[in-house]
Amino acid sequence: MRGFPVRWPLFLSACLLAAPVSVLASEPANGSPQPRVVSGLRVTWLGHAAFEVVSPGGTRLLIDPWLKENPRTPAAWKELSRFGQEDAKPAAILVTHAHGDHAPDVPELARVSGALVVSTGEHLRAMKIPEAQQHSVNVGGSFRLGDVTVHAVPAMHSTDPGGRPLGYVVTFSDGRSLYHTGDTWLFGDMALIQELYHPDIVLLTTGGGRWGLDPKTAARAMRKYFKPSIIIPMHFGTFEPLAEEPEVRAAFAGDKRVRFLTPGQDTAL
């Protein structure tokens, strides 16, 4: 532009420095590096109902980490010693209930990582979690951990031994919230979970079978009670008689909020 000299190399450098920064995911599932926003929320599905969640501020959570015998957990995640490494230690392990496809690896993970273990007091004692790592909650309870707040909410299911089934809503410093339903059927108090916590991301049990929300009923629960921006199906296709992925996709056909994750893939949300 005439009369306004610009030093283009410096100008372009300034533009690049002002742009959002991203890095490459370290272990992309498809073998191709993918951009990941450094400051964003990260969710990794580990198969079935197991997730690793890393908050925008870096608070790392494991939820229902059944890994060693989980047929959908990638091999690299089955070695529980990885969670003793400084860059992989969870701040807390959230456990929804005591069934064998949700909780059996928790005592070893607690020993390896030193993390707090969050569940009902009865379940913590049944797992023989060291007292210093027990962080008991019950329906309606909440606590602050790093840059997140964890809320315990009801789930309609069973549990054995000890306590009662739970779901969890995790709220983040950026104003968003994530709801892990645990194993459940739809129930009227889901309306209160929406009213109180407005979950933006729902990790939704969808496999049905003999144990909980089947795909069509899971889709109905989302339509009737919730208004999330992202729905992530879980607890399907692991073993019979759970619904397989095509059935889940059919139930949510046309719903652009649904995202199917690949086990082991670090996903920025």
Protein backbone atom coordinates (compact mmCIF):
# COMPACT_ATOMS: atom_id res chain seq x y z
CA MET A 1 0.00 0.00 0.00
CA ARG A 2 1.37 3.44 -1.02
CA GLY A 3 2.42 5.57 1.92
CA PHE A 4 2.28 2.64 4.38
CA PRO A 5 5.48 0.59 4.11
CA VAL A 6 5.24 -2.86 5.70
CA ARG A 7 8.09 -5.19 6.57
CA TRP A 8 6.36 -8.35 5.34
CA PRO A 9 8.53 -10.96 7.08
CA LEU A 10 7.94 -9.29 10.45
CA PHE A 11 4.26 -8.77 9.68
CA LEU A 12 3.72 -12.43 8.77
CA SER A 13 5.63 -13.59 11.83
CA ALA A 14 3.38 -11.51 14.04
CA CYS A 15 0.29 -13.00 12.42
CA LEU A 16 1.56 -16.51 12.95
CA LEU A 17 2.36 -15.82 16.60
CA ALA A 18 -1.15 -14.49 17.11
CA ALA A 19 -2.78 -17.57 15.62
CA PRO A 20 -4.09 -20.45 17.80
CA VAL A 21 -1.35 -22.90 18.67
CA SER A 22 -1.72 -26.63 18.08
CA VAL A 23 0.49 -29.67 18.44
CA LEU A 24 0.41 -33.15 17.00
CA ALA A 25 -1.24 -35.99 18.88
CA SER A 26 1.48 -38.34 20.09
CA GLU A 27 -0.22 -41.65 19.30
CA PRO A 28 -2.93 -41.10 16.66
CA ALA A 29 -5.02 -44.22 16.16
CA ASN A 30 -4.83 -44.17 12.37
CA GLY A 31 -1.09 -43.58 12.22
CA SER A 32 -1.44 -40.05 10.78
CA PRO A 33 -0.60 -37.05 12.99
CA GLN A 34 -3.65 -34.94 13.72
CA PRO A 35 -3.73 -31.40 15.16
CA ARG A 36 -4.74 -31.06 18.79
CA VAL A 37 -5.49 -27.76 20.52
CA VAL A 38 -3.07 -27.40 23.41
CA SER A 39 -5.46 -25.62 25.75
CA GLY A 40 -8.56 -27.66 24.95
CA LEU A 41 -10.45 -30.42 26.71
CA ARG A 42 -9.20 -33.88 25.70
CA VAL A 43 -11.17 -37.13 25.93
CA THR A 44 -9.84 -40.60 25.18
CA TRP A 45 -12.27 -43.51 25.02
CA LEU A 46 -10.58 -46.66 26.31
CA GLY A 47 -13.39 -49.03 25.30
CA HIS A 48 -16.70 -49.92 26.96
CA ALA A 49 -17.37 -47.29 29.69
CA ALA A 50 -13.70 -46.42 30.33
CA PHE A 51 -12.41 -42.92 29.59
CA GLU A 52 -9.46 -40.68 30.27
CA VAL A 53 -10.45 -37.01 30.49
CA VAL A 54 -7.91 -34.18 30.63
CA SER A 55 -9.31 -30.77 31.50
CA PRO A 56 -8.24 -27.50 29.83
CA GLY A 57 -6.08 -26.86 32.90
CA GLY A 58 -4.45 -30.29 32.79
CA THR A 59 -6.42 -32.14 35.50
CA ARG A 60 -6.39 -35.80 34.45
CA LEU A 61 -9.29 -38.12 35.35
CA LEU A 62 -9.95 -41.79 34.71
CA ILE A 63 -13.59 -42.89 34.65
CA ASP A 64 -14.56 -46.57 35.05
CA PRO A 65 -11.11 -47.77 33.93
CA TRP A 66 -11.74 -51.45 33.24
CA LEU A 67 -8.72 -52.05 31.01
CA LYS A 68 -6.77 -55.30 31.46
CA GLU A 69 -9.58 -57.66 30.38
CA ASN A 70 -11.52 -55.16 28.29
CA PRO A 71 -11.58 -56.53 24.72
CA ARG A 72 -11.92 -53.03 23.26
CA THR A 73 -9.03 -51.46 25.16
CA PRO A 74 -5.91 -50.98 22.97
CA ALA A 75 -2.92 -53.08 24.06
CA ALA A 76 -0.85 -50.03 25.02
CA TRP A 77 -3.46 -49.05 27.61
CA LYS A 78 -3.73 -52.48 29.23
CA GLU A 79 -0.32 -52.07 30.91
CA LEU A 80 -1.41 -50.29 34.08
CA SER A 81 2.13 -49.23 34.99
CA ARG A 82 1.80 -46.44 32.40
CA PHE A 83 -0.44 -44.60 34.89
CA GLY A 84 2.47 -44.35 37.32
CA GLN A 85 4.43 -42.15 34.91
CA GLU A 86 4.44 -38.46 35.79
CA ASP A 87 2.86 -37.38 32.52
CA ALA A 88 0.06 -39.97 32.77
CA LYS A 89 -0.86 -40.04 36.48
CA PRO A 90 -4.54 -39.30 37.06
CA ALA A 91 -5.52 -36.85 39.76
CA ALA A 92 -8.57 -39.01 40.48
CA ILE A 93 -10.28 -42.22 39.39
CA LEU A 94 -14.09 -41.92 39.21
CA VAL A 95 -15.95 -45.22 39.62
CA THR A 96 -19.68 -45.42 38.87
CA HIS A 97 -20.40 -48.83 40.39
CA ALA A 98 -18.94 -52.17 41.43
CA HIS A 99 -19.64 -54.42 38.44
CA GLY A 100 -16.85 -56.44 36.84
CA ASP A 101 -16.87 -54.47 33.58
CA HIS A 102 -16.24 -51.17 35.41
CA ALA A 103 -14.19 -51.49 38.61
CA PRO A 104 -11.86 -54.55 38.85
CA ASP A 105 -8.67 -52.68 37.84
CA VAL A 106 -9.24 -49.78 40.23
CA PRO A 107 -7.29 -51.14 43.26
CA GLU A 108 -4.18 -51.76 41.15
CA LEU A 109 -4.51 -48.39 39.43
CA ALA A 110 -4.80 -46.73 42.84
CA ARG A 111 -1.60 -48.43 43.98
CA VAL A 112 0.32 -47.61 40.79
CA SER A 113 -0.79 -43.99 40.46
CA GLY A 114 -1.45 -42.85 44.02
CA ALA A 115 -4.61 -41.14 42.73
CA LEU A 116 -7.71 -40.36 44.73
CA VAL A 117 -10.45 -42.93 44.14
CA VAL A 118 -13.96 -41.52 44.00
CA SER A 119 -17.02 -43.66 44.68
CA THR A 120 -19.43 -44.35 47.51
CA GLY A 121 -17.79 -45.08 50.86
CA GLU A 122 -19.15 -48.62 50.86
CA HIS A 123 -17.62 -49.36 47.48
CA LEU A 124 -14.25 -47.83 48.42
CA ARG A 125 -14.06 -50.02 51.51
CA ALA A 126 -15.10 -53.10 49.54
CA MET A 127 -12.22 -52.43 47.09
CA LYS A 128 -9.83 -51.99 50.06
CA ILE A 129 -8.59 -48.66 48.75
CA PRO A 130 -6.04 -47.15 51.19
CA GLU A 131 -7.81 -44.70 53.48
CA ALA A 132 -5.65 -41.78 52.36
CA GLN A 133 -6.85 -42.28 48.77
CA GLN A 134 -10.54 -42.79 49.56
CA HIS A 135 -12.69 -39.87 48.42
CA SER A 136 -16.25 -40.89 49.14
CA VAL A 137 -19.22 -39.24 47.47
CA ASN A 138 -22.92 -39.86 47.22
CA VAL A 139 -25.80 -38.54 45.13
CA GLY A 140 -25.87 -34.74 45.26
CA GLY A 141 -22.30 -34.42 46.51
CA SER A 142 -19.61 -32.43 44.73
CA PHE A 143 -15.98 -31.46 45.20
CA ARG A 144 -13.30 -29.33 43.58
CA LEU A 145 -10.14 -30.88 42.13
CA GLY A 146 -7.65 -28.71 40.25
CA ASP A 147 -9.60 -26.74 37.68
CA VAL A 148 -12.63 -29.06 37.67
CA THR A 149 -15.65 -29.67 39.89
CA VAL A 150 -17.04 -33.19 40.08
CA HIS A 151 -20.74 -33.75 40.85
CA ALA A 152 -22.17 -37.17 41.78
CA VAL A 153 -25.59 -37.80 40.23
CA PRO A 154 -27.94 -40.79 40.32
CA ALA A 155 -27.98 -43.72 37.92
CA MET A 156 -30.73 -46.34 37.72
CA HIS A 157 -28.89 -49.64 37.90
CA SER A 158 -27.58 -52.14 40.47
CA THR A 159 -24.21 -52.63 42.13
CA ASP A 160 -22.49 -55.34 44.14
CA PRO A 161 -20.79 -55.21 46.56
CA GLY A 162 -21.43 -51.97 48.36
CA GLY A 163 -22.88 -48.55 47.77
CA ARG A 164 -25.16 -47.51 44.93
CA PRO A 165 -24.65 -46.74 41.24
CA LEU A 166 -23.67 -43.22 40.26
CA GLY A 167 -23.13 -41.01 37.26
CA TYR A 168 -20.76 -38.04 37.24
CA VAL A 169 -20.94 -34.51 35.85
CA VAL A 170 -17.57 -32.78 35.54
CA THR A 171 -17.61 -29.00 35.08
CA PHE A 172 -14.61 -27.21 33.59
CA SER A 173 -13.08 -23.75 33.95
CA ASP A 174 -14.16 -22.84 30.41
CA GLY A 175 -17.81 -23.20 31.46
CA ARG A 176 -18.50 -26.52 29.77
CA SER A 177 -19.59 -29.71 31.51
CA LEU A 178 -19.30 -33.42 30.75
CA TYR A 179 -21.77 -36.08 31.94
CA HIS A 180 -20.76 -39.74 32.22
CA THR A 181 -24.06 -41.56 32.66
CA GLY A 182 -22.64 -44.74 34.13
CA ASP A 183 -24.86 -47.76 33.56
CA THR A 184 -28.47 -46.61 33.69
CA TRP A 185 -31.94 -46.56 32.22
CA LEU A 186 -33.67 -43.27 31.51
CA PHE A 187 -35.36 -41.76 34.57
CA GLY A 188 -37.23 -38.59 35.42
CA ASP A 189 -34.42 -37.00 37.44
CA MET A 190 -32.42 -36.70 34.23
CA ALA A 191 -34.43 -33.50 33.84
CA LEU A 192 -32.85 -32.20 37.05
CA ILE A 193 -29.36 -33.13 35.85
CA GLN A 194 -30.03 -31.00 32.76
CA GLU A 195 -31.52 -28.16 34.82
CA LEU A 196 -28.67 -28.05 37.33
CA TYR A 197 -25.61 -28.84 35.22
CA HIS A 198 -26.52 -28.30 31.52
CA PRO A 199 -24.11 -30.98 30.24
CA ASP A 200 -22.47 -29.97 26.98
CA ILE A 201 -20.89 -33.39 26.40
CA VAL A 202 -22.63 -36.66 27.28
CA LEU A 203 -20.79 -39.99 27.48
CA LEU A 204 -23.87 -42.12 26.96
CA THR A 205 -24.43 -45.80 27.64
CA THR A 206 -26.16 -47.20 24.55
CA GLY A 207 -25.57 -50.96 24.40
CA GLY A 208 -28.71 -52.14 26.17
CA GLY A 209 -28.91 -55.89 26.09
CA ARG A 210 -30.14 -57.04 29.49
CA TRP A 211 -28.48 -54.23 31.43
CA GLY A 212 -29.47 -50.70 30.49
CA LEU A 213 -30.31 -48.18 27.81
CA ASP A 214 -30.68 -49.77 24.39
CA PRO A 215 -29.80 -47.54 21.42
CA LYS A 216 -33.34 -46.32 20.68
CA THR A 217 -34.07 -45.57 24.34
CA ALA A 218 -30.71 -43.83 24.72
CA ALA A 219 -31.59 -41.61 21.77
CA ARG A 220 -34.98 -40.93 23.35
CA ALA A 221 -33.31 -39.90 26.62
CA MET A 222 -31.21 -37.34 24.74
CA ARG A 223 -34.25 -35.94 22.93
CA LYS A 224 -36.44 -35.83 26.05
CA TYR A 225 -34.09 -34.62 28.76
CA PHE A 226 -30.84 -33.13 27.42
CA LYS A 227 -29.50 -30.48 25.06
CA PRO A 228 -25.80 -31.34 24.65
CA SER A 229 -23.59 -30.18 21.82
CA ILE A 230 -21.75 -33.54 21.70
CA ILE A 231 -23.03 -37.08 22.37
CA ILE A 232 -20.42 -39.85 22.64
CA PRO A 233 -21.88 -43.39 22.67
CA MET A 234 -20.24 -45.94 24.96
CA HIS A 235 -20.90 -49.35 26.54
CA PHE A 236 -21.78 -51.02 23.23
CA GLY A 237 -20.25 -53.78 21.10
CA THR A 238 -17.96 -55.10 23.84
CA PHE A 239 -19.56 -58.51 24.29
CA GLU A 240 -22.93 -60.19 23.73
CA PRO A 241 -25.75 -59.26 24.06
CA LEU A 242 -24.79 -55.57 23.84
CA ALA A 243 -25.82 -53.74 20.68
CA GLU A 244 -23.19 -53.39 17.96
CA GLU A 245 -22.14 -50.07 16.44
CA PRO A 246 -24.41 -50.26 13.34
CA GLU A 247 -27.46 -50.51 15.59
CA VAL A 248 -26.31 -47.52 17.64
CA ARG A 249 -25.64 -45.50 14.49
CA ALA A 250 -29.09 -46.34 13.16
CA ALA A 251 -30.77 -45.16 16.36
CA PHE A 252 -28.99 -41.79 16.16
CA ALA A 253 -29.19 -41.40 12.38
CA GLY A 254 -29.31 -37.75 11.39
CA ASP A 255 -28.21 -36.46 14.80
CA LYS A 256 -25.12 -34.38 14.01
CA ARG A 257 -24.19 -34.11 17.69
CA VAL A 258 -23.13 -37.76 17.83
CA ARG A 259 -19.42 -38.59 17.66
CA PHE A 260 -18.15 -42.16 17.60
CA LEU A 261 -14.68 -42.33 19.10
CA THR A 262 -11.93 -44.83 18.35
CA PRO A 263 -10.54 -46.53 21.47
CA GLY A 264 -7.14 -45.11 22.35
CA GLN A 265 -7.44 -42.00 20.17
CA ASP A 266 -6.84 -38.71 21.99
CA THR A 267 -9.73 -36.46 20.90
CA ALA A 268 -9.85 -32.69 21.42
CA LEU A 269 -13.34 -31.34 22.16
